[in-house]
């Protein structure tokens, strides 16, 4: 049984002292794929992100400018996003719009559009961060004619919002929030199984019974267990489906060999 973590922040300071132990626990827990989100505006983080992919065969990379950092956008950042090269690069992200940050929404929208354009040029899916403003994100994707797809990271919208993104070819990603959120459970129950993937968003959003603690990739099994309960199928089948979905969106359907 292979599990996947489609969204983690392995370079967060909370992992500085014990990342090797965290990765060993992930390995023991059969986490075969971890998509690590890296901040393209931070040169040191990019360097460390590449080092991680060199050290761990199961670590992939997503790069982008988070909405809370939208005002750091520059021509230099644009060039870095266009030119960044790695055989582990899976997506542009996380990118999007979030009104809970003290960053002008218009700046966030502008940078989101810039990055969707870069993703189109690079033929890469996108990892979307969105709170509340799902209609605005949806309209931008329609306006930009973004047809490559991607994921709605830690989706927190309603089923009505989810349908719109599913119709655009996107996948819905669930974190540990699925273990306690009625809204997330409702969307997961209704969403097509072949369009669902799972994540930890480590070190954030731990599942029950770890709520209030630091999250880590090995905890993805709790989200898988809850999803299997909601879908009425075995944990093994849920792991198989979500792993195949991960491969489909991030690896273009090509299964890679991991050490």
Protein backbone atom coordinates (compact mmCIF):
# COMPACT_ATOMS: atom_id res chain seq x y z
CA UNK A 1 0.00 0.00 0.00
CA UNK A 2 1.47 3.35 -1.09
CA UNK A 3 0.23 6.60 0.47
CA UNK A 4 0.71 10.11 -0.89
CA UNK A 5 1.04 13.52 0.71
CA UNK A 6 0.22 16.02 -2.01
CA UNK A 7 1.11 19.12 0.01
CA UNK A 8 3.68 19.59 2.76
CA UNK A 9 6.11 22.26 3.98
CA UNK A 10 9.12 20.16 4.94
CA UNK A 11 11.35 23.22 5.24
CA UNK A 12 9.29 24.77 7.99
CA UNK A 13 11.34 25.71 11.06
CA UNK A 14 9.43 23.19 13.17
CA UNK A 15 11.19 20.39 11.26
CA UNK A 16 14.72 21.78 11.60
CA UNK A 17 15.80 19.51 14.45
CA UNK A 18 14.20 16.20 13.48
CA UNK A 19 13.44 16.14 9.75
CA UNK A 20 15.34 12.87 9.30
CA UNK A 21 13.17 11.21 11.94
CA UNK A 22 10.04 12.68 10.31
CA UNK A 23 11.07 11.28 6.94
CA UNK A 24 11.86 7.88 8.47
CA UNK A 25 8.39 7.75 10.05
CA UNK A 26 6.90 8.64 6.66
CA UNK A 27 8.83 5.79 5.06
CA UNK A 28 7.72 3.31 7.73
CA UNK A 29 4.13 4.52 7.19
CA UNK A 30 4.38 3.77 3.43
CA UNK A 31 4.27 7.40 2.32
CA UNK A 32 5.77 6.95 -1.13
CA UNK A 33 5.20 10.46 -2.49
CA UNK A 34 5.51 13.84 -0.76
CA UNK A 35 4.96 17.04 -2.70
CA UNK A 36 7.00 19.72 -0.92
CA UNK A 37 5.87 23.33 -1.48
CA UNK A 38 8.77 25.78 -1.74
CA UNK A 39 8.78 29.59 -1.73
CA UNK A 40 10.33 30.80 -5.00
CA UNK A 41 11.03 34.22 -3.43
CA UNK A 42 13.46 32.68 -0.90
CA UNK A 43 16.76 31.63 -2.50
CA UNK A 44 17.87 29.69 0.58
CA UNK A 45 14.60 27.78 0.69
CA UNK A 46 14.89 26.92 -3.00
CA UNK A 47 18.43 25.63 -2.40
CA UNK A 48 17.29 23.53 0.56
CA UNK A 49 14.31 22.26 -1.44
CA UNK A 50 16.62 20.97 -4.15
CA UNK A 51 18.86 19.40 -1.51
CA UNK A 52 15.84 17.52 -0.13
CA UNK A 53 14.97 16.09 -3.54
CA UNK A 54 18.59 14.95 -3.89
CA UNK A 55 18.51 13.28 -0.47
CA UNK A 56 15.03 11.74 -0.60
CA UNK A 57 13.85 9.98 -3.74
CA UNK A 58 10.18 10.36 -2.82
CA UNK A 59 10.19 14.16 -2.41
CA UNK A 60 8.80 16.29 -5.25
CA UNK A 61 8.64 20.08 -5.62
CA UNK A 62 6.01 22.72 -6.17
CA UNK A 63 7.21 26.31 -6.47
CA UNK A 64 5.37 29.60 -6.38
CA UNK A 65 4.52 32.86 -4.66
CA UNK A 66 2.02 32.38 -1.85
CA UNK A 67 -0.80 34.98 -1.71
CA UNK A 68 0.55 36.36 1.58
CA UNK A 69 3.74 37.26 -0.29
CA UNK A 70 2.08 38.71 -3.40
CA UNK A 71 3.62 42.15 -3.03
CA UNK A 72 7.11 40.66 -3.34
CA UNK A 73 6.40 39.92 -7.01
CA UNK A 74 9.04 41.25 -9.38
CA UNK A 75 10.50 40.69 -12.82
CA UNK A 76 13.27 38.70 -11.13
CA UNK A 77 10.74 36.36 -9.52
CA UNK A 78 8.93 35.95 -12.82
CA UNK A 79 12.19 34.93 -14.53
CA UNK A 80 12.96 32.46 -11.74
CA UNK A 81 9.56 30.81 -12.12
CA UNK A 82 9.99 30.59 -15.87
CA UNK A 83 13.51 29.20 -15.76
CA UNK A 84 13.54 26.97 -12.66
CA UNK A 85 14.56 23.48 -13.72
CA UNK A 86 14.24 20.21 -11.82
CA UNK A 87 13.08 16.75 -12.81
CA UNK A 88 11.09 16.77 -9.55
CA UNK A 89 9.10 19.90 -10.38
CA UNK A 90 5.40 19.00 -10.29
CA UNK A 91 3.44 22.26 -10.23
CA UNK A 92 3.29 26.01 -9.76
CA UNK A 93 2.02 26.61 -6.26
CA UNK A 94 0.82 27.27 -3.82
CA UNK A 95 -0.80 30.30 -5.40
CA UNK A 96 -4.17 31.98 -5.03
CA UNK A 97 -6.25 34.49 -3.10
CA UNK A 98 -6.88 34.78 0.63
CA UNK A 99 -8.67 37.78 2.20
CA UNK A 100 -7.49 36.82 5.68
CA UNK A 101 -3.99 38.15 4.88
CA UNK A 102 -3.11 41.82 5.17
CA UNK A 103 -2.28 42.00 1.46
CA UNK A 104 -4.43 43.95 -1.04
CA UNK A 105 -6.76 41.56 -2.87
CA UNK A 106 -6.00 43.23 -6.18
CA UNK A 107 -2.29 42.49 -5.70
CA UNK A 108 -3.12 38.87 -4.91
CA UNK A 109 -5.32 38.58 -8.00
CA UNK A 110 -2.68 40.13 -10.24
CA UNK A 111 0.07 37.78 -9.01
CA UNK A 112 -2.27 34.80 -9.25
CA UNK A 113 -2.92 35.66 -12.91
CA UNK A 114 0.80 36.07 -13.60
CA UNK A 115 1.47 32.63 -12.17
CA UNK A 116 -1.35 30.89 -14.02
CA UNK A 117 0.13 32.34 -17.21
CA UNK A 118 3.56 30.95 -16.31
CA UNK A 119 2.01 27.56 -15.56
CA UNK A 120 0.42 27.58 -19.01
CA UNK A 121 3.74 28.44 -20.63
CA UNK A 122 5.42 25.63 -18.72
CA UNK A 123 2.51 23.20 -19.14
CA UNK A 124 2.34 22.62 -15.39
CA UNK A 125 -0.69 22.18 -13.11
CA UNK A 126 -1.25 24.65 -10.29
CA UNK A 127 -1.77 24.25 -6.55
CA UNK A 128 -4.42 26.72 -5.43
CA UNK A 129 -4.64 28.26 -1.97
CA UNK A 130 -8.05 29.84 -1.45
CA UNK A 131 -10.16 30.92 1.47
CA UNK A 132 -13.65 32.35 0.99
CA UNK A 133 -13.14 33.91 -2.45
CA UNK A 134 -13.77 30.79 -4.53
CA UNK A 135 -15.89 32.61 -7.11
CA UNK A 136 -13.09 35.11 -7.71
CA UNK A 137 -10.54 32.33 -8.23
CA UNK A 138 -12.92 30.47 -10.51
CA UNK A 139 -13.57 33.55 -12.66
CA UNK A 140 -9.84 34.18 -13.07
CA UNK A 141 -9.28 30.60 -14.20
CA UNK A 142 -12.09 30.96 -16.73
CA UNK A 143 -10.80 34.33 -17.90
CA UNK A 144 -7.27 32.93 -18.27
CA UNK A 145 -8.65 29.84 -20.04
CA UNK A 146 -6.59 27.68 -17.70
CA UNK A 147 -7.24 24.13 -18.87
CA UNK A 148 -4.21 22.26 -17.51
CA UNK A 149 -5.85 21.68 -14.14
CA UNK A 150 -4.37 21.28 -10.71
CA UNK A 151 -5.60 20.93 -7.15
CA UNK A 152 -7.62 22.95 -4.68
CA UNK A 153 -5.32 22.59 -1.69
CA UNK A 154 -7.06 21.89 1.64
CA UNK A 155 -10.40 22.68 0.04
CA UNK A 156 -12.63 24.59 2.45
CA UNK A 157 -15.49 25.59 0.17
CA UNK A 158 -18.97 24.21 -0.34
CA UNK A 159 -20.03 21.43 -2.67
CA UNK A 160 -21.47 24.07 -5.00
CA UNK A 161 -18.03 25.68 -5.27
CA UNK A 162 -16.33 22.32 -5.69
CA UNK A 163 -18.50 21.44 -8.68
CA UNK A 164 -17.27 24.48 -10.58
CA UNK A 165 -13.63 23.52 -10.16
CA UNK A 166 -14.29 19.87 -10.92
CA UNK A 167 -15.89 21.00 -14.18
CA UNK A 168 -12.63 22.82 -15.01
CA UNK A 169 -10.67 19.61 -14.55
CA UNK A 170 -9.31 20.29 -11.06
CA UNK A 171 -8.81 17.84 -8.23
CA UNK A 172 -10.03 18.44 -4.69
CA UNK A 173 -7.44 17.89 -1.95
CA UNK A 174 -8.32 17.08 1.63
CA UNK A 175 -6.08 17.50 4.68
CA UNK A 176 -6.51 16.40 8.28
CA UNK A 177 -9.41 18.86 8.47
CA UNK A 178 -11.47 16.08 6.88
CA UNK A 179 -11.40 14.22 10.20
CA UNK A 180 -13.46 16.91 11.94
CA UNK A 181 -15.05 19.30 9.41
CA UNK A 182 -18.67 18.61 8.43
CA UNK A 183 -18.28 20.77 5.31
CA UNK A 184 -15.21 18.85 4.17
CA UNK A 185 -16.94 15.53 4.86
CA UNK A 186 -19.90 16.62 2.74
CA UNK A 187 -17.69 17.56 -0.23
CA UNK A 188 -15.60 14.40 0.08
CA UNK A 189 -18.70 12.23 0.17
CA UNK A 190 -20.12 13.82 -2.99
CA UNK A 191 -16.93 14.31 -5.03
CA UNK A 192 -15.97 11.71 -7.65
CA UNK A 193 -13.36 9.39 -6.16
CA UNK A 194 -11.12 9.76 -9.21
CA UNK A 195 -10.80 13.49 -8.53
CA UNK A 196 -9.77 13.37 -4.87
CA UNK A 197 -6.26 13.53 -3.44
CA UNK A 198 -5.01 13.88 0.13
CA UNK A 199 -2.43 15.99 1.93
CA UNK A 200 -1.13 16.90 5.36
CA UNK A 201 -0.15 20.55 4.83
CA UNK A 202 2.55 19.69 7.38
CA UNK A 203 3.29 21.13 9.86
CA UNK A 204 -0.21 22.63 9.82
CA UNK A 205 -3.75 21.20 10.06
CA UNK A 206 -3.12 17.91 11.86
CA UNK A 207 -5.91 15.33 11.82
CA UNK A 208 -7.62 13.90 14.85
CA UNK A 209 -6.34 12.68 17.27
CA UNK A 210 -3.30 14.97 16.74
CA UNK A 211 -5.15 18.28 16.60
CA UNK A 212 -3.09 20.97 18.34
CA UNK A 213 0.20 19.20 17.62
CA UNK A 214 2.69 19.55 14.78
CA UNK A 215 1.53 17.70 11.70
CA UNK A 216 3.80 15.46 9.62
CA UNK A 217 3.50 13.25 6.49
CA UNK A 218 3.07 9.97 8.40
CA UNK A 219 -0.25 11.28 9.74
CA UNK A 220 -1.76 11.12 6.24
CA UNK A 221 -3.11 7.68 7.14
CA UNK A 222 -5.72 9.36 9.38
CA UNK A 223 -7.12 11.30 6.44
CA UNK A 224 -7.09 8.13 4.31
CA UNK A 225 -8.97 6.28 7.04
CA UNK A 226 -11.67 8.97 7.22
CA UNK A 227 -11.97 9.16 3.44
CA UNK A 228 -12.34 5.39 3.21
CA UNK A 229 -15.11 5.55 5.81
CA UNK A 230 -16.94 8.28 3.89
CA UNK A 231 -16.58 6.42 0.60
CA UNK A 232 -17.50 3.05 2.07
CA UNK A 233 -14.45 1.18 0.83
CA UNK A 234 -11.26 -0.29 2.24
CA UNK A 235 -8.26 1.74 3.34
CA UNK A 236 -6.18 -0.14 0.77
CA UNK A 237 -8.53 0.81 -2.07
CA UNK A 238 -8.65 4.43 -0.92
CA UNK A 239 -4.85 4.55 -0.85
CA UNK A 240 -4.68 3.06 -4.34
CA UNK A 241 -7.18 5.52 -5.81
CA UNK A 242 -5.68 8.63 -4.23
CA UNK A 243 -2.17 7.55 -5.21
CA UNK A 244 -3.23 6.99 -8.80
CA UNK A 245 -4.91 10.42 -8.78
CA UNK A 246 -1.69 11.97 -7.44
CA UNK A 247 0.29 10.33 -10.23
CA UNK A 248 -2.24 11.48 -12.82
CA UNK A 249 -2.12 15.16 -11.89
CA UNK A 250 1.51 15.55 -10.78
CA UNK A 251 3.39 12.96 -12.83
CA UNK A 252 1.30 13.01 -16.00
CA UNK A 253 0.28 9.42 -15.41
CA UNK A 254 3.89 8.15 -15.51
CA UNK A 255 4.70 6.05 -12.46
CA UNK A 256 8.26 6.69 -11.31
CA UNK A 257 10.46 4.30 -9.38
CA UNK A 258 11.30 5.44 -5.88
CA UNK A 259 14.10 4.18 -3.67
